Structure formats: structure tokens, C-alpha cells
Amino acid sequence: MSKTVKRAGRAKGEAKVETISNSGAAYTELMFEIFRIHGRINTLGDRFSAGTGLTGARWRVLGSTLPEPKQVPQIARERGLTRQSVQQIANSLVEDGLAKFIENERHKSSKLLAPTALGRKTVLQLNGRYPALANSIARDCTAAELKAATVLLTKLSKRLDDEI
């Protein structure tokens, strides 16, 4: 079933009436579900990491640096976060002794974030406990269903990138 929506036109006061397609309506429903699940993922990440000195967000940022030190903008792009929020998290990780900034030979004005020994140990501890959590959450889903969802979300993400 199609719905009619009004969208502001280019000229001031001009309105264009456009009908939303079935796919457009389904996309809207999916986006609302993604908003809900995003909040739940953040809450669960905070609970899962409680007592380690990390929150879910700090775990994601610090975990990005385990393979190799990275610039804050690199982490932001990789994790789909704003540069400013990653910078705040990085600064707090450094203040708490879980990460450090190191010189970047390729870009002198943009330092790299790297885990300290304590930060690496903390992330590895959480990563070691994570498979049990992932298995529990995914227990009623097949791998094929989850892979199909990933393909769809990747496709939509690329389309959103085109629109931005």
C-alpha cells in the first residue's frame, strides 16, 4: 500500500506531493527497527563491558586499534561514528591509561591512537568473552539469514553514502 507524503520543493512555499513506494515504506520501517536495535546494542555493550573500565563505545574505539594504531578519523569512518565523538573517547582512554597517542610518520599533525598494555589486555579479555554473547543472541537465526541481512544493510549503507 502506498502512502502520500508532502516534501518541500526547491522554491520557498512550494510543496511537492509524492507517493511513497512499497519499498520506500518498508525501508522506513527497517530504519525505525535499526534505531531501536542500535540503542539495545549500545545498552548491551555497556552492560557486557561493565567493570572493565570500558563502555561499549570505548571498547569499539580501543578495539579498532588492536591490529594497528589508527588516526581518530580512520576509526570514526571504520565504526560509523563522528570524528568528534571518537576524539572524546580517545582522549578519555588516554586519560585512563588504556591508550596513548603516538607520532604518525605519514601525517605529522594527526597522531595515531594505540592501546597501552592494559588497554590491549582489557579488550582481549572482552573479545574472549564475546563469542558466548554473540552465539546467545544469534541462536534463533541461521547464518544465511544473518549474512543476507548484512548484505542488505551494506547495500543500503552504500546507497545512503551516495545520498549524503
C-alpha atoms as a PDB file:
ATOM      1  CA  MET A   1       0.000   0.000   0.000  1.00  0.00           C
ATOM      2  CA  SER A   2       1.380   3.401  -0.993  1.00  0.00           C
ATOM      3  CA  LYS A   3       1.274   6.469   1.183  1.00  0.00           C
ATOM      4  CA  THR A   4       1.266  10.086   0.113  1.00  0.00           C
ATOM      5  CA  VAL A   5       3.769  12.429   1.677  1.00  0.00           C
ATOM      6  CA  LYS A   6       4.498  16.097   1.141  1.00  0.00           C
ATOM      7  CA  ARG A   7       8.072  17.138   0.587  1.00  0.00           C
ATOM      8  CA  ALA A   8       9.275  20.689   0.487  1.00  0.00           C
ATOM      9  CA  GLY A   9      10.104  21.804  -3.030  1.00  0.00           C
ATOM     10  CA  ARG A  10      13.079  23.879  -4.050  1.00  0.00           C
ATOM     11  CA  ALA A  11      11.150  27.155  -4.180  1.00  0.00           C
ATOM     12  CA  LYS A  12      10.013  28.641  -0.896  1.00  0.00           C
ATOM     13  CA  GLY A  13       6.483  27.601  -0.031  1.00  0.00           C
ATOM     14  CA  GLU A  14       6.298  25.130  -2.895  1.00  0.00           C
ATOM     15  CA  ALA A  15       5.289  21.616  -1.865  1.00  0.00           C
ATOM     16  CA  LYS A  16       5.577  18.514  -3.962  1.00  0.00           C
ATOM     17  CA  VAL A  17       3.215  15.642  -3.306  1.00  0.00           C
ATOM     18  CA  GLU A  18       4.990  12.362  -3.733  1.00  0.00           C
ATOM     19  CA  THR A  19       3.760   8.834  -3.215  1.00  0.00           C
ATOM     20  CA  ILE A  20       5.979   6.573  -1.173  1.00  0.00           C
ATOM     21  CA  SER A  21       6.552   3.199  -2.788  1.00  0.00           C
ATOM     22  CA  ASN A  22       6.138  -0.106  -1.017  1.00  0.00           C
ATOM     23  CA  SER A  23       9.935  -0.367  -0.904  1.00  0.00           C
ATOM     24  CA  GLY A  24      10.173   3.156   0.497  1.00  0.00           C
ATOM     25  CA  ALA A  25       7.659   2.335   3.233  1.00  0.00           C
ATOM     26  CA  ALA A  26       9.470  -0.929   4.038  1.00  0.00           C
ATOM     27  CA  TYR A  27      12.761   0.975   4.171  1.00  0.00           C
ATOM     28  CA  THR A  28      11.215   3.404   6.669  1.00  0.00           C
ATOM     29  CA  GLU A  29      10.039   0.526   8.880  1.00  0.00           C
ATOM     30  CA  LEU A  30      13.508  -1.033   8.678  1.00  0.00           C
ATOM     31  CA  MET A  31      15.168   2.247   9.680  1.00  0.00           C
ATOM     32  CA  PHE A  32      12.953   2.518  12.774  1.00  0.00           C
ATOM     33  CA  GLU A  33      13.876  -1.045  13.729  1.00  0.00           C
ATOM     34  CA  ILE A  34      17.566  -0.219  13.212  1.00  0.00           C
ATOM     35  CA  PHE A  35      17.191   2.783  15.533  1.00  0.00           C
ATOM     36  CA  ARG A  36      15.674   0.513  18.189  1.00  0.00           C
ATOM     37  CA  ILE A  37      18.283  -2.226  17.820  1.00  0.00           C
ATOM     38  CA  HIS A  38      21.103   0.326  17.835  1.00  0.00           C
ATOM     39  CA  GLY A  39      20.012   1.513  21.271  1.00  0.00           C
ATOM     40  CA  ARG A  40      19.781  -2.049  22.528  1.00  0.00           C
ATOM     41  CA  ILE A  41      23.223  -2.918  21.151  1.00  0.00           C
ATOM     42  CA  ASN A  42      24.698   0.097  22.946  1.00  0.00           C
ATOM     43  CA  THR A  43      22.973  -0.835  26.211  1.00  0.00           C
ATOM     44  CA  LEU A  44      24.134  -4.443  25.948  1.00  0.00           C
ATOM     45  CA  GLY A  45      27.692  -3.358  25.091  1.00  0.00           C
ATOM     46  CA  ASP A  46      27.777  -1.163  28.192  1.00  0.00           C
ATOM     47  CA  ARG A  47      26.477  -3.978  30.394  1.00  0.00           C
ATOM     48  CA  PHE A  48      28.830  -6.530  28.839  1.00  0.00           C
ATOM     49  CA  SER A  49      31.878  -4.340  29.382  1.00  0.00           C
ATOM     50  CA  ALA A  50      30.881  -3.093  32.845  1.00  0.00           C
ATOM     51  CA  GLY A  51      33.630  -3.422  35.413  1.00  0.00           C
ATOM     52  CA  THR A  52      36.446  -3.352  32.845  1.00  0.00           C
ATOM     53  CA  GLY A  53      36.917   0.408  32.628  1.00  0.00           C
ATOM     54  CA  LEU A  54      35.325   0.389  29.199  1.00  0.00           C
ATOM     55  CA  THR A  55      31.872   1.151  27.876  1.00  0.00           C
ATOM     56  CA  GLY A  56      30.609  -0.350  24.659  1.00  0.00           C
ATOM     57  CA  ALA A  57      31.743   2.757  22.767  1.00  0.00           C
ATOM     58  CA  ARG A  58      35.182   2.776  24.390  1.00  0.00           C
ATOM     59  CA  TRP A  59      35.531  -0.941  23.617  1.00  0.00           C
ATOM     60  CA  ARG A  60      34.703  -0.326  19.923  1.00  0.00           C
ATOM     61  CA  VAL A  61      37.176   2.543  19.627  1.00  0.00           C
ATOM     62  CA  LEU A  62      40.002   0.857  21.508  1.00  0.00           C
ATOM     63  CA  GLY A  63      39.333  -2.438  19.715  1.00  0.00           C
ATOM     64  CA  SER A  64      39.882  -0.657  16.396  1.00  0.00           C
ATOM     65  CA  THR A  65      43.479  -0.039  17.404  1.00  0.00           C
ATOM     66  CA  LEU A  66      44.434  -3.650  18.204  1.00  0.00           C
ATOM     67  CA  PRO A  67      45.507  -4.664  14.709  1.00  0.00           C
ATOM     68  CA  GLU A  68      47.456  -1.412  14.315  1.00  0.00           C
ATOM     69  CA  PRO A  69      47.421   2.147  15.659  1.00  0.00           C
ATOM     70  CA  LYS A  70      44.994   4.407  13.802  1.00  0.00           C
ATOM     71  CA  GLN A  71      44.120   8.064  13.402  1.00  0.00           C
ATOM     72  CA  VAL A  72      40.908   9.240  15.034  1.00  0.00           C
ATOM     73  CA  PRO A  73      39.277   9.986  11.626  1.00  0.00           C
ATOM     74  CA  GLN A  74      40.142   6.443  10.445  1.00  0.00           C
ATOM     75  CA  ILE A  75      38.441   4.943  13.493  1.00  0.00           C
ATOM     76  CA  ALA A  76      35.417   7.190  13.003  1.00  0.00           C
ATOM     77  CA  ARG A  77      34.992   6.074   9.377  1.00  0.00           C
ATOM     78  CA  GLU A  78      35.535   2.416  10.253  1.00  0.00           C
ATOM     79  CA  ARG A  79      32.989   2.471  13.092  1.00  0.00           C
ATOM     80  CA  GLY A  80      30.454   4.845  11.536  1.00  0.00           C
ATOM     81  CA  LEU A  81      30.929   7.444  14.265  1.00  0.00           C
ATOM     82  CA  THR A  82      31.636  11.168  14.189  1.00  0.00           C
ATOM     83  CA  ARG A  83      35.238  12.265  14.422  1.00  0.00           C
ATOM     84  CA  GLN A  84      34.379  14.452  17.400  1.00  0.00           C
ATOM     85  CA  SER A  85      32.865  11.594  19.397  1.00  0.00           C
ATOM     86  CA  VAL A  86      35.832   9.333  18.652  1.00  0.00           C
ATOM     87  CA  GLN A  87      38.211  12.143  19.673  1.00  0.00           C
ATOM     88  CA  GLN A  88      36.425  12.495  23.026  1.00  0.00           C
ATOM     89  CA  ILE A  89      36.551   8.739  23.592  1.00  0.00           C
ATOM     90  CA  ALA A  90      40.224   8.601  22.554  1.00  0.00           C
ATOM     91  CA  ASN A  91      41.092  11.402  24.976  1.00  0.00           C
ATOM     92  CA  SER A  92      39.298   9.614  27.819  1.00  0.00           C
ATOM     93  CA  LEU A  93      41.069   6.332  27.004  1.00  0.00           C
ATOM     94  CA  VAL A  94      44.414   8.135  27.134  1.00  0.00           C
ATOM     95  CA  GLU A  95      43.488   9.845  30.425  1.00  0.00           C
ATOM     96  CA  ASP A  96      42.605   6.445  31.912  1.00  0.00           C
ATOM     97  CA  GLY A  97      45.853   4.800  30.772  1.00  0.00           C
ATOM     98  CA  LEU A  98      44.154   2.428  28.318  1.00  0.00           C
ATOM     99  CA  ALA A  99      45.527   4.102  25.178  1.00  0.00           C
ATOM    100  CA  LYS A 100      48.238   6.511  24.111  1.00  0.00           C
ATOM    101  CA  PHE A 101      48.821   8.865  21.216  1.00  0.00           C
ATOM    102  CA  ILE A 102      51.923   8.152  19.165  1.00  0.00           C
ATOM    103  CA  GLU A 103      53.634  10.051  16.379  1.00  0.00           C
ATOM    104  CA  ASN A 104      52.373   9.437  12.859  1.00  0.00           C
ATOM    105  CA  GLU A 105      55.189   9.331  10.311  1.00  0.00           C
ATOM    106  CA  ARG A 106      52.747   9.814   7.414  1.00  0.00           C
ATOM    107  CA  HIS A 107      50.846  12.759   8.877  1.00  0.00           C
ATOM    108  CA  LYS A 108      52.722  14.800  11.467  1.00  0.00           C
ATOM    109  CA  SER A 109      49.664  16.736  12.687  1.00  0.00           C
ATOM    110  CA  SER A 110      47.412  13.694  13.146  1.00  0.00           C
ATOM    111  CA  LYS A 111      48.681  11.346  15.820  1.00  0.00           C
ATOM    112  CA  LEU A 112      47.820   7.675  15.991  1.00  0.00           C
ATOM    113  CA  LEU A 113      45.835   6.098  18.812  1.00  0.00           C
ATOM    114  CA  ALA A 114      47.387   2.908  20.153  1.00  0.00           C
ATOM    115  CA  PRO A 115      46.407   0.676  23.071  1.00  0.00           C
ATOM    116  CA  THR A 116      48.615   0.505  26.147  1.00  0.00           C
ATOM    117  CA  ALA A 117      49.415  -2.926  27.558  1.00  0.00           C
ATOM    118  CA  LEU A 118      46.483  -2.532  29.962  1.00  0.00           C
ATOM    119  CA  GLY A 119      44.169  -1.426  27.143  1.00  0.00           C
ATOM    120  CA  ARG A 120      45.167  -4.377  24.957  1.00  0.00           C
ATOM    121  CA  LYS A 121      44.663  -6.812  27.846  1.00  0.00           C
ATOM    122  CA  THR A 122      41.228  -5.343  28.625  1.00  0.00           C
ATOM    123  CA  VAL A 123      39.997  -5.514  25.018  1.00  0.00           C
ATOM    124  CA  LEU A 124      41.328  -9.039  24.558  1.00  0.00           C
ATOM    125  CA  GLN A 125      39.534 -10.085  27.746  1.00  0.00           C
ATOM    126  CA  LEU A 126      36.227  -8.716  26.416  1.00  0.00           C
ATOM    127  CA  ASN A 127      36.855 -10.184  22.965  1.00  0.00           C
ATOM    128  CA  GLY A 128      37.443 -13.579  24.587  1.00  0.00           C
ATOM    129  CA  ARG A 129      34.061 -13.436  26.325  1.00  0.00           C
ATOM    130  CA  TYR A 130      32.231 -12.098  23.260  1.00  0.00           C
ATOM    131  CA  PRO A 131      31.613 -15.349  21.290  1.00  0.00           C
ATOM    132  CA  ALA A 132      29.285 -16.673  24.009  1.00  0.00           C
ATOM    133  CA  LEU A 133      27.263 -13.459  23.843  1.00  0.00           C
ATOM    134  CA  ALA A 134      27.120 -13.475  20.031  1.00  0.00           C
ATOM    135  CA  ASN A 135      26.100 -17.133  19.990  1.00  0.00           C
ATOM    136  CA  SER A 136      23.339 -16.464  22.506  1.00  0.00           C
ATOM    137  CA  ILE A 137      21.902 -13.516  20.577  1.00  0.00           C
ATOM    138  CA  ALA A 138      22.094 -15.294  17.208  1.00  0.00           C
ATOM    139  CA  ARG A 139      20.760 -18.655  18.448  1.00  0.00           C
ATOM    140  CA  ASP A 140      17.375 -18.359  16.685  1.00  0.00           C
ATOM    141  CA  CYS A 141      18.864 -17.167  13.392  1.00  0.00           C
ATOM    142  CA  THR A 142      20.642 -19.073  10.679  1.00  0.00           C
ATOM    143  CA  ALA A 143      23.997 -17.928   9.403  1.00  0.00           C
ATOM    144  CA  ALA A 144      22.350 -17.470   5.981  1.00  0.00           C
ATOM    145  CA  GLU A 145      19.715 -15.121   7.442  1.00  0.00           C
ATOM    146  CA  LEU A 146      22.332 -13.036   9.177  1.00  0.00           C
ATOM    147  CA  LYS A 147      24.529 -12.907   6.075  1.00  0.00           C
ATOM    148  CA  ALA A 148      21.534 -11.825   3.970  1.00  0.00           C
ATOM    149  CA  ALA A 149      20.779  -9.075   6.490  1.00  0.00           C
ATOM    150  CA  THR A 150      24.400  -7.949   6.303  1.00  0.00           C
ATOM    151  CA  VAL A 151      24.274  -7.836   2.505  1.00  0.00           C
ATOM    152  CA  LEU A 152      21.073  -5.777   2.614  1.00  0.00           C
ATOM    153  CA  LEU A 153      22.410  -3.338   5.215  1.00  0.00           C
ATOM    154  CA  THR A 154      25.659  -2.945   3.259  1.00  0.00           C
ATOM    155  CA  LYS A 155      23.665  -2.188   0.106  1.00  0.00           C
ATOM    156  CA  LEU A 156      21.562   0.402   1.941  1.00  0.00           C
ATOM    157  CA  SER A 157      24.674   1.913   3.533  1.00  0.00           C
ATOM    158  CA  LYS A 158      26.256   2.410   0.123  1.00  0.00           C
ATOM    159  CA  ARG A 159      23.051   3.987  -1.162  1.00  0.00           C
ATOM    160  CA  LEU A 160      22.976   6.334   1.827  1.00  0.00           C
ATOM    161  CA  ASP A 161      26.593   7.280   1.130  1.00  0.00           C
ATOM    162  CA  ASP A 162      25.521   8.244  -2.386  1.00  0.00           C
ATOM    163  CA  GLU A 163      22.790  10.482  -0.961  1.00  0.00           C
ATOM    164  CA  ILE A 164      24.993  12.250   1.577  1.00  0.00           C
END
